[in-house]
Amino acid sequence: MKLTQLLAVATLAIFSFTSTGALAQSEKEKNQAEVNAKAEQTLNDFFKAKPKLKAEVKNAAGYGVFTTYGLSFLAGGSGGKGVVHDNKTGKKTYMDLAQASVGLQIGASETRYLFVFKDAKGMQTFIDSGWEAGGEVGAGAGAGKHAAGGTVGQFTYGNLYSLTKNGFQAGGAMGGTKFWKDKDLN
């Protein structure tokens, strides 16, 4: 009888460990799917706003798509998630980001960013260290599905585009952004 009980407990323990792992994997896949869906929608919004971007993204070493949510009044902050896609290998690296700024600024918005990498080395450096700092003056506004305020610029490893989907941002500020690998999604 004790052997039967021992086998039953062992079976339950094994089932418990494997189902917990399956649940964790399922949650990871669900979160990845959410980031991928948001990235795909963001790409479509960029391509709709500027059709020539489709060829630039296709011919690049890779691209990164990020969505941030933030508030600012003199000092500002935002955070978000995104994914960097290697066009050669198809590999996706999921990343988080945080931004902080200070200056004459006011706003609350959902902002989307598209990074187009000019080479694989720069893309990998971005994934590994991911730091960009700088200042910006501008304005953007958007509501619902209508994105506006797309700014174009260069960053260390390629070209950067942004769209304000919901909300508004106005003013000028100095700030920094930190990108890092999302340990839970990679």
N, C-alpha and C. Protein backbone atom coordinates (compact mmCIF):
# COMPACT_ATOMS: atom_id res chain seq x y z
N MET A 1 0.81 -1.19 0.00
CA MET A 1 0.00 0.00 0.00
C MET A 1 0.86 1.26 0.00
N LYS A 2 1.95 1.26 0.71
CA LYS A 2 2.81 2.43 0.76
C LYS A 2 3.45 2.70 -0.60
N LEU A 3 3.76 1.67 -1.34
CA LEU A 3 4.32 1.84 -2.68
C LEU A 3 3.32 2.52 -3.60
N THR A 4 2.05 2.16 -3.49
CA THR A 4 1.00 2.77 -4.31
C THR A 4 0.86 4.25 -3.96
N GLN A 5 0.89 4.58 -2.68
CA GLN A 5 0.79 5.97 -2.25
C GLN A 5 2.00 6.76 -2.72
N LEU A 6 3.16 6.17 -2.63
CA LEU A 6 4.38 6.83 -3.08
C LEU A 6 4.33 7.11 -4.58
N LEU A 7 3.86 6.14 -5.34
CA LEU A 7 3.72 6.33 -6.80
C LEU A 7 2.69 7.42 -7.11
N ALA A 8 1.62 7.46 -6.35
CA ALA A 8 0.59 8.48 -6.56
C ALA A 8 1.15 9.87 -6.28
N VAL A 9 1.88 10.02 -5.18
CA VAL A 9 2.49 11.31 -4.83
C VAL A 9 3.52 11.71 -5.89
N ALA A 10 4.34 10.77 -6.32
CA ALA A 10 5.35 11.06 -7.35
C ALA A 10 4.68 11.48 -8.65
N THR A 11 3.61 10.80 -9.03
CA THR A 11 2.88 11.16 -10.26
C THR A 11 2.31 12.56 -10.15
N LEU A 12 1.71 12.89 -9.01
CA LEU A 12 1.17 14.24 -8.80
C LEU A 12 2.28 15.29 -8.85
N ALA A 13 3.41 15.00 -8.24
CA ALA A 13 4.53 15.95 -8.24
C ALA A 13 5.04 16.18 -9.65
N ILE A 14 5.19 15.12 -10.42
CA ILE A 14 5.66 15.27 -11.81
C ILE A 14 4.65 16.06 -12.63
N PHE A 15 3.37 15.73 -12.48
CA PHE A 15 2.32 16.45 -13.19
C PHE A 15 2.32 17.93 -12.81
N SER A 16 2.49 18.20 -11.51
CA SER A 16 2.51 19.58 -11.03
C SER A 16 3.66 20.37 -11.63
N PHE A 17 4.87 19.79 -11.66
CA PHE A 17 6.03 20.48 -12.22
C PHE A 17 5.88 20.70 -13.72
N THR A 18 5.40 19.69 -14.44
CA THR A 18 5.27 19.84 -15.90
C THR A 18 4.15 20.79 -16.25
N SER A 19 3.06 20.80 -15.52
CA SER A 19 1.96 21.72 -15.85
C SER A 19 2.34 23.14 -15.50
N THR A 20 3.10 23.35 -14.42
CA THR A 20 3.57 24.69 -14.07
C THR A 20 4.48 25.22 -15.17
N GLY A 21 5.37 24.39 -15.67
CA GLY A 21 6.23 24.80 -16.78
C GLY A 21 5.44 25.11 -18.02
N ALA A 22 4.41 24.30 -18.29
CA ALA A 22 3.55 24.54 -19.46
C ALA A 22 2.79 25.84 -19.30
N LEU A 23 2.31 26.13 -18.08
CA LEU A 23 1.61 27.38 -17.86
C LEU A 23 2.54 28.57 -18.04
N ALA A 24 3.77 28.46 -17.52
CA ALA A 24 4.74 29.54 -17.67
C ALA A 24 5.06 29.75 -19.15
N GLN A 25 5.25 28.65 -19.89
CA GLN A 25 5.53 28.75 -21.32
C GLN A 25 4.34 29.37 -22.04
N SER A 26 3.13 28.96 -21.65
CA SER A 26 1.93 29.49 -22.27
C SER A 26 1.82 30.99 -22.03
N GLU A 27 2.11 31.44 -20.82
CA GLU A 27 2.06 32.87 -20.48
C GLU A 27 3.12 33.64 -21.28
N LYS A 28 4.31 33.07 -21.41
CA LYS A 28 5.38 33.70 -22.19
C LYS A 28 4.93 33.83 -23.65
N GLU A 29 4.38 32.77 -24.21
CA GLU A 29 3.93 32.81 -25.60
C GLU A 29 2.80 33.81 -25.79
N LYS A 30 1.90 33.90 -24.81
CA LYS A 30 0.80 34.87 -24.87
C LYS A 30 1.36 36.29 -24.89
N ASN A 31 2.31 36.58 -24.02
CA ASN A 31 2.91 37.92 -23.96
C ASN A 31 3.69 38.23 -25.23
N GLN A 32 4.41 37.25 -25.77
CA GLN A 32 5.11 37.45 -27.04
C GLN A 32 4.11 37.76 -28.15
N ALA A 33 3.01 37.03 -28.18
CA ALA A 33 1.98 37.24 -29.21
C ALA A 33 1.40 38.65 -29.12
N GLU A 34 1.22 39.16 -27.90
CA GLU A 34 0.71 40.53 -27.72
C GLU A 34 1.70 41.55 -28.26
N VAL A 35 2.98 41.38 -27.95
CA VAL A 35 4.00 42.30 -28.45
C VAL A 35 4.07 42.22 -29.98
N ASN A 36 4.04 41.00 -30.53
CA ASN A 36 4.08 40.83 -31.98
C ASN A 36 2.89 41.48 -32.67
N ALA A 37 1.69 41.32 -32.10
CA ALA A 37 0.48 41.92 -32.69
C ALA A 37 0.58 43.44 -32.68
N LYS A 38 1.04 43.99 -31.57
CA LYS A 38 1.20 45.46 -31.46
C LYS A 38 2.24 45.95 -32.46
N ALA A 39 3.34 45.19 -32.60
CA ALA A 39 4.39 45.58 -33.55
C ALA A 39 3.87 45.53 -34.98
N GLU A 40 3.11 44.51 -35.31
CA GLU A 40 2.55 44.40 -36.67
C GLU A 40 1.60 45.56 -36.97
N GLN A 41 0.75 45.89 -36.00
CA GLN A 41 -0.17 47.01 -36.19
C GLN A 41 0.60 48.32 -36.33
N THR A 42 1.64 48.47 -35.53
CA THR A 42 2.46 49.68 -35.61
C THR A 42 3.13 49.80 -36.97
N LEU A 43 3.69 48.69 -37.47
CA LEU A 43 4.30 48.72 -38.81
C LEU A 43 3.28 49.13 -39.86
N ASN A 44 2.09 48.58 -39.78
CA ASN A 44 1.04 48.95 -40.74
C ASN A 44 0.70 50.43 -40.66
N ASP A 45 0.65 50.98 -39.43
CA ASP A 45 0.39 52.41 -39.26
C ASP A 45 1.50 53.25 -39.90
N PHE A 46 2.75 52.84 -39.70
CA PHE A 46 3.87 53.57 -40.32
C PHE A 46 3.80 53.48 -41.84
N PHE A 47 3.53 52.30 -42.37
CA PHE A 47 3.48 52.11 -43.82
C PHE A 47 2.33 52.90 -44.43
N LYS A 48 1.23 53.01 -43.70
CA LYS A 48 0.09 53.80 -44.18
C LYS A 48 0.44 55.29 -44.19
N ALA A 49 1.12 55.75 -43.15
CA ALA A 49 1.51 57.16 -43.05
C ALA A 49 2.61 57.52 -44.05
N LYS A 50 3.51 56.58 -44.30
CA LYS A 50 4.63 56.84 -45.20
C LYS A 50 4.95 55.55 -45.97
N PRO A 51 4.29 55.32 -47.11
CA PRO A 51 4.43 54.07 -47.87
C PRO A 51 5.87 53.70 -48.25
N LYS A 52 6.75 54.67 -48.43
CA LYS A 52 8.14 54.38 -48.81
C LYS A 52 8.90 53.63 -47.70
N LEU A 53 8.39 53.69 -46.48
CA LEU A 53 9.05 52.99 -45.38
C LEU A 53 9.06 51.48 -45.57
N LYS A 54 8.07 50.95 -46.26
CA LYS A 54 7.98 49.50 -46.45
C LYS A 54 9.25 48.97 -47.12
N ALA A 55 9.71 49.65 -48.17
CA ALA A 55 10.94 49.22 -48.86
C ALA A 55 12.16 49.42 -47.97
N GLU A 56 12.20 50.52 -47.22
CA GLU A 56 13.34 50.76 -46.32
C GLU A 56 13.45 49.67 -45.27
N VAL A 57 12.32 49.28 -44.68
CA VAL A 57 12.32 48.23 -43.66
C VAL A 57 12.71 46.89 -44.28
N LYS A 58 12.18 46.59 -45.44
CA LYS A 58 12.46 45.32 -46.11
C LYS A 58 13.94 45.18 -46.45
N ASN A 59 14.58 46.26 -46.87
CA ASN A 59 15.98 46.23 -47.31
C ASN A 59 16.99 46.46 -46.19
N ALA A 60 16.52 46.72 -44.98
CA ALA A 60 17.41 46.99 -43.84
C ALA A 60 17.93 45.69 -43.25
N ALA A 61 18.96 45.81 -42.42
CA ALA A 61 19.48 44.65 -41.68
C ALA A 61 18.42 44.13 -40.72
N GLY A 62 17.61 45.03 -40.21
CA GLY A 62 16.55 44.68 -39.29
C GLY A 62 15.83 45.93 -38.84
N TYR A 63 14.85 45.75 -37.99
CA TYR A 63 14.08 46.88 -37.50
C TYR A 63 13.59 46.59 -36.08
N GLY A 64 13.29 47.66 -35.37
CA GLY A 64 12.72 47.55 -34.03
C GLY A 64 11.45 48.35 -33.96
N VAL A 65 10.43 47.81 -33.32
CA VAL A 65 9.14 48.47 -33.19
C VAL A 65 8.80 48.51 -31.70
N PHE A 66 8.53 49.72 -31.19
CA PHE A 66 8.26 49.91 -29.77
C PHE A 66 7.05 50.81 -29.57
N THR A 67 6.31 50.55 -28.51
CA THR A 67 5.19 51.40 -28.12
C THR A 67 5.43 51.85 -26.69
N THR A 68 5.28 53.17 -26.46
CA THR A 68 5.46 53.71 -25.11
C THR A 68 4.19 54.44 -24.68
N TYR A 69 4.01 54.49 -23.38
CA TYR A 69 2.92 55.24 -22.77
C TYR A 69 3.57 56.15 -21.75
N GLY A 70 3.25 57.46 -21.82
CA GLY A 70 3.92 58.35 -20.89
C GLY A 70 3.17 59.63 -20.60
N LEU A 71 3.67 60.33 -19.58
CA LEU A 71 3.16 61.62 -19.13
C LEU A 71 4.32 62.58 -19.00
N SER A 72 4.05 63.85 -19.26
CA SER A 72 5.10 64.85 -19.04
C SER A 72 4.49 66.19 -18.65
N PHE A 73 5.11 66.84 -17.72
CA PHE A 73 4.85 68.23 -17.35
C PHE A 73 6.14 68.71 -16.72
N LEU A 74 6.95 69.40 -17.50
CA LEU A 74 8.30 69.79 -17.18
C LEU A 74 9.21 68.56 -17.10
N ALA A 75 8.93 67.64 -16.19
CA ALA A 75 9.64 66.37 -16.16
C ALA A 75 8.70 65.32 -16.73
N GLY A 76 9.26 64.36 -17.40
CA GLY A 76 8.42 63.34 -18.01
C GLY A 76 9.01 61.96 -17.91
N GLY A 77 8.16 61.00 -18.10
CA GLY A 77 8.61 59.63 -18.10
C GLY A 77 7.66 58.76 -18.87
N SER A 78 8.19 57.69 -19.42
CA SER A 78 7.35 56.74 -20.13
C SER A 78 8.03 55.39 -20.14
N GLY A 79 7.26 54.39 -20.48
CA GLY A 79 7.80 53.04 -20.56
C GLY A 79 7.03 52.26 -21.60
N GLY A 80 7.61 51.16 -22.03
CA GLY A 80 6.92 50.35 -23.02
C GLY A 80 7.68 49.09 -23.36
N LYS A 81 7.20 48.45 -24.40
CA LYS A 81 7.77 47.19 -24.87
C LYS A 81 7.90 47.24 -26.38
N GLY A 82 8.70 46.32 -26.89
CA GLY A 82 8.84 46.20 -28.32
C GLY A 82 9.63 44.98 -28.71
N VAL A 83 9.93 44.91 -29.99
CA VAL A 83 10.65 43.76 -30.53
C VAL A 83 11.60 44.24 -31.62
N VAL A 84 12.79 43.65 -31.64
CA VAL A 84 13.76 43.90 -32.70
C VAL A 84 13.76 42.65 -33.58
N HIS A 85 13.59 42.86 -34.87
CA HIS A 85 13.51 41.76 -35.83
C HIS A 85 14.73 41.79 -36.75
N ASP A 86 15.48 40.69 -36.80
CA ASP A 86 16.63 40.55 -37.69
C ASP A 86 16.10 40.05 -39.03
N ASN A 87 16.22 40.87 -40.07
CA ASN A 87 15.69 40.49 -41.38
C ASN A 87 16.41 39.31 -42.00
N LYS A 88 17.67 39.11 -41.68
CA LYS A 88 18.43 38.00 -42.28
C LYS A 88 18.06 36.66 -41.66
N THR A 89 18.01 36.61 -40.33
CA THR A 89 17.76 35.34 -39.64
C THR A 89 16.30 35.14 -39.24
N GLY A 90 15.54 36.22 -39.19
CA GLY A 90 14.15 36.14 -38.72
C GLY A 90 14.03 36.11 -37.21
N LYS A 91 15.15 36.17 -36.50
CA LYS A 91 15.13 36.12 -35.04
C LYS A 91 14.50 37.39 -34.46
N LYS A 92 13.70 37.20 -33.42
CA LYS A 92 13.08 38.32 -32.72
C LYS A 92 13.67 38.41 -31.32
N THR A 93 14.03 39.62 -30.92
CA THR A 93 14.50 39.88 -29.57
C THR A 93 13.51 40.84 -28.92
N TYR A 94 12.89 40.39 -27.84
CA TYR A 94 11.89 41.20 -27.14
C TYR A 94 12.61 42.11 -26.15
N MET A 95 12.16 43.38 -26.11
CA MET A 95 12.86 44.36 -25.30
C MET A 95 11.88 45.24 -24.54
N ASP A 96 12.37 45.82 -23.46
CA ASP A 96 11.66 46.82 -22.68
C ASP A 96 12.36 48.15 -22.88
N LEU A 97 11.66 49.23 -22.55
CA LEU A 97 12.29 50.54 -22.60
C LEU A 97 11.72 51.46 -21.55
N ALA A 98 12.55 52.39 -21.14
CA ALA A 98 12.14 53.44 -20.20
C ALA A 98 12.73 54.74 -20.70
N GLN A 99 11.95 55.81 -20.58
CA GLN A 99 12.40 57.14 -21.00
C GLN A 99 12.20 58.11 -19.85
N ALA A 100 13.10 59.07 -19.75
CA ALA A 100 12.98 60.15 -18.78
C ALA A 100 13.42 61.43 -19.47
N SER A 101 12.76 62.54 -19.15
CA SER A 101 13.11 63.81 -19.79
C SER A 101 12.80 64.97 -18.86
N VAL A 102 13.44 66.10 -19.16
CA VAL A 102 13.19 67.32 -18.42
C VAL A 102 13.30 68.49 -19.40
N GLY A 103 12.40 69.46 -19.27
CA GLY A 103 12.41 70.61 -20.16
C GLY A 103 11.04 71.27 -20.20
N LEU A 104 10.86 72.14 -21.17
CA LEU A 104 9.56 72.81 -21.34
C LEU A 104 8.68 71.89 -22.17
N GLN A 105 7.95 71.03 -21.49
CA GLN A 105 7.15 70.03 -22.17
C GLN A 105 5.87 69.77 -21.41
N ILE A 106 4.86 69.33 -22.14
CA ILE A 106 3.61 68.94 -21.52
C ILE A 106 2.97 67.89 -22.43
N GLY A 107 2.36 66.90 -21.83
CA GLY A 107 1.68 65.92 -22.66
C GLY A 107 1.37 64.62 -21.95
N ALA A 108 0.56 63.84 -22.64
CA ALA A 108 0.23 62.48 -22.24
C ALA A 108 -0.07 61.75 -23.54
N SER A 109 0.65 60.67 -23.81
CA SER A 109 0.45 60.05 -25.10
C SER A 109 0.88 58.59 -25.16
N GLU A 110 0.41 57.96 -26.22
CA GLU A 110 0.90 56.65 -26.65
C GLU A 110 1.72 56.94 -27.90
N THR A 111 2.99 56.69 -27.82
CA THR A 111 3.89 56.98 -28.94
C THR A 111 4.50 55.69 -29.44
N ARG A 112 4.63 55.60 -30.74
CA ARG A 112 5.19 54.41 -31.36
C ARG A 112 6.47 54.78 -32.09
N TYR A 113 7.45 53.90 -32.00
CA TYR A 113 8.75 54.14 -32.61
C TYR A 113 9.10 53.01 -33.56
N LEU A 114 9.73 53.38 -34.66
CA LEU A 114 10.26 52.42 -35.62
C LEU A 114 11.73 52.75 -35.82
N PHE A 115 12.58 51.80 -35.47
CA PHE A 115 14.03 51.91 -35.67
C PHE A 115 14.38 51.05 -36.88
N VAL A 116 15.03 51.62 -37.86
CA VAL A 116 15.47 50.88 -39.04
C VAL A 116 16.99 50.82 -38.99
N PHE A 117 17.52 49.61 -38.82
CA PHE A 117 18.97 49.44 -38.62
C PHE A 117 19.69 49.32 -39.94
N LYS A 118 20.78 50.10 -40.07
CA LYS A 118 21.54 50.10 -41.33
C LYS A 118 22.46 48.90 -41.48
N ASP A 119 22.88 48.28 -40.36
CA ASP A 119 23.72 47.08 -40.47
C ASP A 119 23.51 46.16 -39.26
N ALA A 120 23.90 44.90 -39.43
CA ALA A 120 23.69 43.88 -38.40
C ALA A 120 24.50 44.18 -37.14
N LYS A 121 25.70 44.72 -37.29
CA LYS A 121 26.54 45.03 -36.13
C LYS A 121 25.88 46.09 -35.25
N GLY A 122 25.37 47.14 -35.87
CA GLY A 122 24.68 48.19 -35.12
C GLY A 122 23.43 47.67 -34.44
N MET A 123 22.70 46.80 -35.13
CA MET A 123 21.50 46.21 -34.54
C MET A 123 21.86 45.38 -33.30
N GLN A 124 22.92 44.58 -33.40
CA GLN A 124 23.32 43.76 -32.26
C GLN A 124 23.82 44.61 -31.10
N THR A 125 24.53 45.69 -31.41
CA THR A 125 24.98 46.60 -30.36
C THR A 125 23.77 47.22 -29.66
N PHE A 126 22.77 47.61 -30.43
CA PHE A 126 21.54 48.16 -29.86
C PHE A 126 20.88 47.15 -28.94
N ILE A 127 20.79 45.90 -29.36
CA ILE A 127 20.18 44.85 -28.54
C ILE A 127 20.97 44.65 -27.26
N ASP A 128 22.30 44.64 -27.37
CA ASP A 128 23.15 44.34 -26.21
C ASP A 128 23.27 45.51 -25.24
N SER A 129 23.37 46.76 -25.76
CA SER A 129 23.57 47.89 -24.85
C SER A 129 22.43 48.89 -24.88
N GLY A 130 21.80 49.09 -26.01
CA GLY A 130 20.56 49.82 -26.18
C GLY A 130 20.38 51.17 -25.57
N TRP A 131 21.37 51.99 -25.47
CA TRP A 131 21.21 53.30 -24.85
C TRP A 131 21.24 54.40 -25.89
N GLU A 132 20.28 55.29 -25.86
CA GLU A 132 20.24 56.48 -26.71
C GLU A 132 19.88 57.66 -25.81
N ALA A 133 20.52 58.76 -25.97
CA ALA A 133 20.19 59.96 -25.21
C ALA A 133 20.17 61.14 -26.16
N GLY A 134 19.36 62.14 -25.87
CA GLY A 134 19.32 63.29 -26.76
C GLY A 134 18.22 64.25 -26.38
N GLY A 135 18.06 65.26 -27.22
CA GLY A 135 17.02 66.26 -27.00
C GLY A 135 16.11 66.33 -28.19
N GLU A 136 14.92 66.83 -27.97
CA GLU A 136 13.95 66.90 -29.06
C GLU A 136 13.04 68.09 -28.84
N VAL A 137 12.71 68.77 -29.92
CA VAL A 137 11.73 69.84 -29.89
C VAL A 137 10.69 69.48 -30.92
N GLY A 138 9.43 69.54 -30.54
CA GLY A 138 8.41 69.20 -31.51
C GLY A 138 7.06 69.09 -30.85
N ALA A 139 6.10 68.65 -31.66
CA ALA A 139 4.76 68.46 -31.17
C ALA A 139 4.13 67.31 -31.92
N GLY A 140 3.21 66.66 -31.27
CA GLY A 140 2.50 65.58 -31.92
C GLY A 140 1.15 65.41 -31.25
N ALA A 141 0.19 64.97 -32.03
CA ALA A 141 -1.15 64.71 -31.49
C ALA A 141 -1.78 63.61 -32.30
N GLY A 142 -2.65 62.88 -31.65
CA GLY A 142 -3.36 61.81 -32.35
C GLY A 142 -4.54 61.36 -31.54
N ALA A 143 -5.49 60.74 -32.21
CA ALA A 143 -6.66 60.20 -31.53
C ALA A 143 -7.13 58.97 -32.27
N GLY A 144 -7.41 57.93 -31.51
CA GLY A 144 -7.93 56.72 -32.11
C GLY A 144 -6.97 56.13 -33.12
N LYS A 145 -7.46 55.82 -34.31
CA LYS A 145 -6.64 55.18 -35.33
C LYS A 145 -5.87 56.19 -36.16
N HIS A 146 -6.04 57.46 -35.90
CA HIS A 146 -5.38 58.48 -36.71
C HIS A 146 -4.10 58.95 -36.03
N ALA A 147 -2.97 58.49 -36.53
CA ALA A 147 -1.69 58.87 -35.95
C ALA A 147 -1.19 60.14 -36.61
N ALA A 148 -0.52 60.96 -35.85
CA ALA A 148 0.01 62.20 -36.38
C ALA A 148 1.32 62.52 -35.70
N GLY A 149 2.01 63.54 -36.22
CA GLY A 149 3.22 64.02 -35.57
C GLY A 149 4.42 63.14 -35.83
N GLY A 150 4.46 62.43 -36.97
CA GLY A 150 5.58 61.54 -37.26
C GLY A 150 6.87 62.31 -37.43
N THR A 151 7.81 62.09 -36.57
CA THR A 151 9.11 62.73 -36.69
C THR A 151 10.09 61.75 -37.30
N VAL A 152 11.03 62.27 -38.02
CA VAL A 152 12.04 61.45 -38.68
C VAL A 152 13.39 61.95 -38.20
N GLY A 153 14.26 61.04 -37.90
CA GLY A 153 15.59 61.42 -37.48
C GLY A 153 16.53 60.26 -37.60
N GLN A 154 17.77 60.52 -37.26
CA GLN A 154 18.76 59.46 -37.27
C GLN A 154 19.16 59.17 -35.84
N PHE A 155 19.48 57.93 -35.57
CA PHE A 155 20.06 57.57 -34.29
C PHE A 155 21.35 56.85 -34.63
N THR A 156 22.09 56.47 -33.64
CA THR A 156 23.43 55.94 -33.83
C THR A 156 23.51 54.83 -34.87
N TYR A 157 22.50 53.97 -34.95
CA TYR A 157 22.59 52.78 -35.80
C TYR A 157 21.67 52.78 -37.02
N GLY A 158 21.03 53.90 -37.32
CA GLY A 158 20.14 53.94 -38.48
C GLY A 158 19.17 55.09 -38.43
N ASN A 159 17.94 54.84 -38.89
CA ASN A 159 16.90 55.87 -38.92
C ASN A 159 15.82 55.57 -37.89
N LEU A 160 15.23 56.65 -37.37
CA LEU A 160 14.20 56.56 -36.34
C LEU A 160 12.97 57.32 -36.81
N TYR A 161 11.81 56.70 -36.63
CA TYR A 161 10.53 57.32 -36.96
C TYR A 161 9.62 57.20 -35.75
N SER A 162 8.74 58.19 -35.57
CA SER A 162 7.80 58.10 -34.45
C SER A 162 6.42 58.60 -34.87
N LEU A 163 5.42 58.05 -34.24
CA LEU A 163 4.03 58.45 -34.43
C LEU A 163 3.37 58.56 -33.06
N THR A 164 2.60 59.62 -32.86
CA THR A 164 1.79 59.74 -31.65
C THR A 164 0.41 59.22 -32.01
N LYS A 165 0.02 58.12 -31.41
CA LYS A 165 -1.28 57.53 -31.75
C LYS A 165 -2.41 58.14 -30.95
N ASN A 166 -2.28 58.21 -29.65
CA ASN A 166 -3.31 58.77 -28.78
C ASN A 166 -2.67 59.79 -27.86
N GLY A 167 -3.29 60.97 -27.74
CA GLY A 167 -2.79 61.97 -26.82
C GLY A 167 -2.06 63.08 -27.55
N PHE A 168 -1.24 63.80 -26.80
CA PHE A 168 -0.49 64.91 -27.38
C PHE A 168 0.81 65.10 -26.62
N GLN A 169 1.78 65.66 -27.29
CA GLN A 169 3.06 66.05 -26.70
C GLN A 169 3.46 67.37 -27.33
N ALA A 170 3.93 68.32 -26.54
CA ALA A 170 4.39 69.59 -27.08
C ALA A 170 5.53 70.11 -26.23
N GLY A 171 6.46 70.82 -26.88
CA GLY A 171 7.55 71.43 -26.15
C GLY A 171 8.90 70.89 -26.58
N GLY A 172 9.88 71.12 -25.73
CA GLY A 172 11.23 70.65 -25.99
C GLY A 172 11.84 70.12 -24.71
N ALA A 173 12.68 69.12 -24.83
CA ALA A 173 13.24 68.51 -23.62
C ALA A 173 14.55 67.81 -23.93
N MET A 174 15.33 67.63 -22.90
CA MET A 174 16.51 66.78 -22.95
C MET A 174 16.14 65.52 -22.20
N GLY A 175 16.56 64.40 -22.75
CA GLY A 175 16.19 63.17 -22.06
C GLY A 175 17.04 62.00 -22.48
N GLY A 176 16.70 60.90 -21.95
CA GLY A 176 17.40 59.67 -22.28
C GLY A 176 16.44 58.51 -22.34
N THR A 177 16.85 57.52 -23.07
CA THR A 177 16.05 56.32 -23.21
C THR A 177 16.95 55.12 -23.01
N LYS A 178 16.47 54.16 -22.28
CA LYS A 178 17.22 52.93 -22.06
C LYS A 178 16.39 51.76 -22.59
N PHE A 179 17.01 50.95 -23.44
CA PHE A 179 16.41 49.73 -23.96
C PHE A 179 17.18 48.56 -23.39
N TRP A 180 16.48 47.48 -23.07
CA TRP A 180 17.15 46.28 -22.59
C TRP A 180 16.31 45.06 -22.95
N LYS A 181 16.99 43.91 -23.01
CA LYS A 181 16.32 42.65 -23.32
C LYS A 181 15.31 42.32 -22.23
N ASP A 182 14.14 41.91 -22.64
CA ASP A 182 13.11 41.46 -21.71
C ASP A 182 13.41 40.02 -21.32
N LYS A 183 13.92 39.81 -20.13
CA LYS A 183 14.36 38.47 -19.70
C LYS A 183 13.20 37.49 -19.62
N ASP A 184 11.98 37.98 -19.45
CA ASP A 184 10.84 37.10 -19.34
C ASP A 184 10.31 36.63 -20.71
N LEU A 185 10.61 37.37 -21.77
CA LEU A 185 10.08 37.03 -23.09
C LEU A 185 11.10 36.42 -24.04
N ASN A 186 12.38 36.47 -23.71
CA ASN A 186 13.40 35.89 -24.59
C ASN A 186 13.79 34.51 -24.15
